[in-house]
């Protein structure tokens, strides 16, 4: 702060610009990241980007039993949950590094 308790606007703007650049870099890292979720010992594999977009779903033919579609559905659901949890953890890590642990969700970060 400057004398008289007034913040230096130029410094604040520079800090805000740096945070914005760090946030953009974190989002780019998340978009490029690939996170894999597995279920059934690898019978079902789901790959998501760090932003949560689905890249691929692989189902081993051994997981397909026409008499038991419910089990396959459960495996797919479990693989998505596994990948989504990895995606959430990575997003928190990347975004937390930018915000210093502050919750800036309401600001769009």
Protein backbone atom coordinates (compact mmCIF):
# COMPACT_ATOMS: atom_id res chain seq x y z
CA UNK A 1 0.00 0.00 0.00
CA UNK A 2 1.02 3.53 -0.63
CA UNK A 3 1.16 6.12 2.14
CA UNK A 4 -2.32 6.98 3.29
CA UNK A 5 -3.51 3.39 2.89
CA UNK A 6 -4.29 3.61 -0.83
CA UNK A 7 -3.34 0.58 -2.95
CA UNK A 8 -1.13 1.16 -5.94
CA UNK A 9 -3.51 0.58 -8.87
CA UNK A 10 -0.67 -0.12 -11.28
CA UNK A 11 0.60 -2.92 -9.03
CA UNK A 12 -2.92 -4.31 -8.61
CA UNK A 13 -3.46 -4.33 -12.37
CA UNK A 14 -0.11 -6.05 -12.95
CA UNK A 15 -0.98 -8.70 -10.36
CA UNK A 16 -4.41 -9.23 -11.90
CA UNK A 17 -2.87 -9.59 -15.37
CA UNK A 18 -0.34 -12.11 -14.05
CA UNK A 19 -3.11 -14.12 -12.38
CA UNK A 20 -5.09 -14.06 -15.62
CA UNK A 21 -2.06 -15.37 -17.55
CA UNK A 22 -1.52 -18.12 -14.97
CA UNK A 23 -5.20 -19.07 -15.16
CA UNK A 24 -5.04 -19.29 -18.96
CA UNK A 25 -1.94 -21.48 -18.74
CA UNK A 26 -3.64 -23.73 -16.17
CA UNK A 27 -6.69 -24.12 -18.43
CA UNK A 28 -4.43 -24.98 -21.39
CA UNK A 29 -2.67 -27.59 -19.24
CA UNK A 30 -6.04 -29.06 -18.26
CA UNK A 31 -7.22 -29.17 -21.88
CA UNK A 32 -4.05 -31.04 -22.89
CA UNK A 33 -4.09 -33.49 -19.97
CA UNK A 34 -5.55 -36.97 -20.38
CA UNK A 35 -6.88 -38.81 -17.35
CA UNK A 36 -7.78 -42.48 -17.42
CA UNK A 37 -10.41 -44.26 -15.37
CA UNK A 38 -10.63 -48.04 -15.18
CA UNK A 39 -13.11 -50.56 -13.86
CA UNK A 40 -13.30 -54.30 -13.71
CA UNK A 41 -9.54 -54.70 -13.69
CA UNK A 42 -9.25 -52.82 -16.98
CA UNK A 43 -12.28 -54.34 -18.71
CA UNK A 44 -13.60 -50.80 -19.19
CA UNK A 45 -11.35 -47.79 -19.71
CA UNK A 46 -12.45 -44.17 -20.03
CA UNK A 47 -10.13 -41.30 -21.01
CA UNK A 48 -11.11 -37.70 -20.20
CA UNK A 49 -9.33 -34.41 -20.76
CA UNK A 50 -8.45 -32.32 -17.75
CA UNK A 51 -11.54 -30.24 -18.59
CA UNK A 52 -13.77 -33.31 -18.34
CA UNK A 53 -14.33 -33.89 -22.05
CA UNK A 54 -14.58 -37.54 -23.09
CA UNK A 55 -11.69 -38.63 -25.32
CA UNK A 56 -12.42 -42.34 -25.53
CA UNK A 57 -14.19 -45.34 -24.06
CA UNK A 58 -12.75 -48.84 -24.46
CA UNK A 59 -14.68 -51.98 -23.54
CA UNK A 60 -12.89 -55.31 -23.54
CA UNK A 61 -15.03 -57.92 -25.33
CA UNK A 62 -14.75 -60.10 -22.20
CA UNK A 63 -16.95 -57.53 -20.42
CA UNK A 64 -19.82 -58.03 -22.87
CA UNK A 65 -22.36 -60.59 -21.74
CA UNK A 66 -25.73 -60.23 -23.49
CA UNK A 67 -27.33 -61.91 -20.48
CA UNK A 68 -25.84 -59.36 -18.04
CA UNK A 69 -25.91 -55.87 -19.55
CA UNK A 70 -26.36 -54.37 -16.07
CA UNK A 71 -22.85 -55.41 -15.03
CA UNK A 72 -21.38 -53.75 -18.12
CA UNK A 73 -23.35 -50.60 -17.37
CA UNK A 74 -21.98 -50.64 -13.81
CA UNK A 75 -18.41 -51.02 -15.12
CA UNK A 76 -18.81 -48.10 -17.52
CA UNK A 77 -20.27 -45.94 -14.76
CA UNK A 78 -17.44 -46.87 -12.39
CA UNK A 79 -14.79 -46.11 -15.02
CA UNK A 80 -16.34 -42.67 -15.67
CA UNK A 81 -16.44 -41.94 -11.95
CA UNK A 82 -12.81 -42.99 -11.59
CA UNK A 83 -11.70 -40.74 -14.47
CA UNK A 84 -13.89 -37.85 -13.26
CA UNK A 85 -12.32 -38.00 -9.79
CA UNK A 86 -8.84 -37.84 -11.33
CA UNK A 87 -10.01 -34.89 -13.45
CA UNK A 88 -11.39 -33.04 -10.41
CA UNK A 89 -8.17 -33.56 -8.47
CA UNK A 90 -6.03 -32.29 -11.36
CA UNK A 91 -8.30 -29.27 -11.88
CA UNK A 92 -8.14 -28.38 -8.18
CA UNK A 93 -4.35 -28.70 -8.24
CA UNK A 94 -3.91 -26.55 -11.37
CA UNK A 95 -6.44 -23.91 -10.40
CA UNK A 96 -5.27 -23.86 -6.77
CA UNK A 97 -1.76 -23.03 -7.94
CA UNK A 98 -3.14 -19.96 -9.71
CA UNK A 99 -5.41 -18.72 -6.94
CA UNK A 100 -3.23 -19.65 -3.99
CA UNK A 101 -6.05 -21.79 -2.62
CA UNK A 102 -8.70 -19.06 -2.83
CA UNK A 103 -12.09 -20.14 -4.11
CA UNK A 104 -12.61 -17.87 -7.10
CA UNK A 105 -15.40 -19.94 -8.65
CA UNK A 106 -17.79 -17.02 -8.51
CA UNK A 107 -15.34 -15.02 -10.62
CA UNK A 108 -15.17 -17.66 -13.33
CA UNK A 109 -11.81 -19.21 -12.41
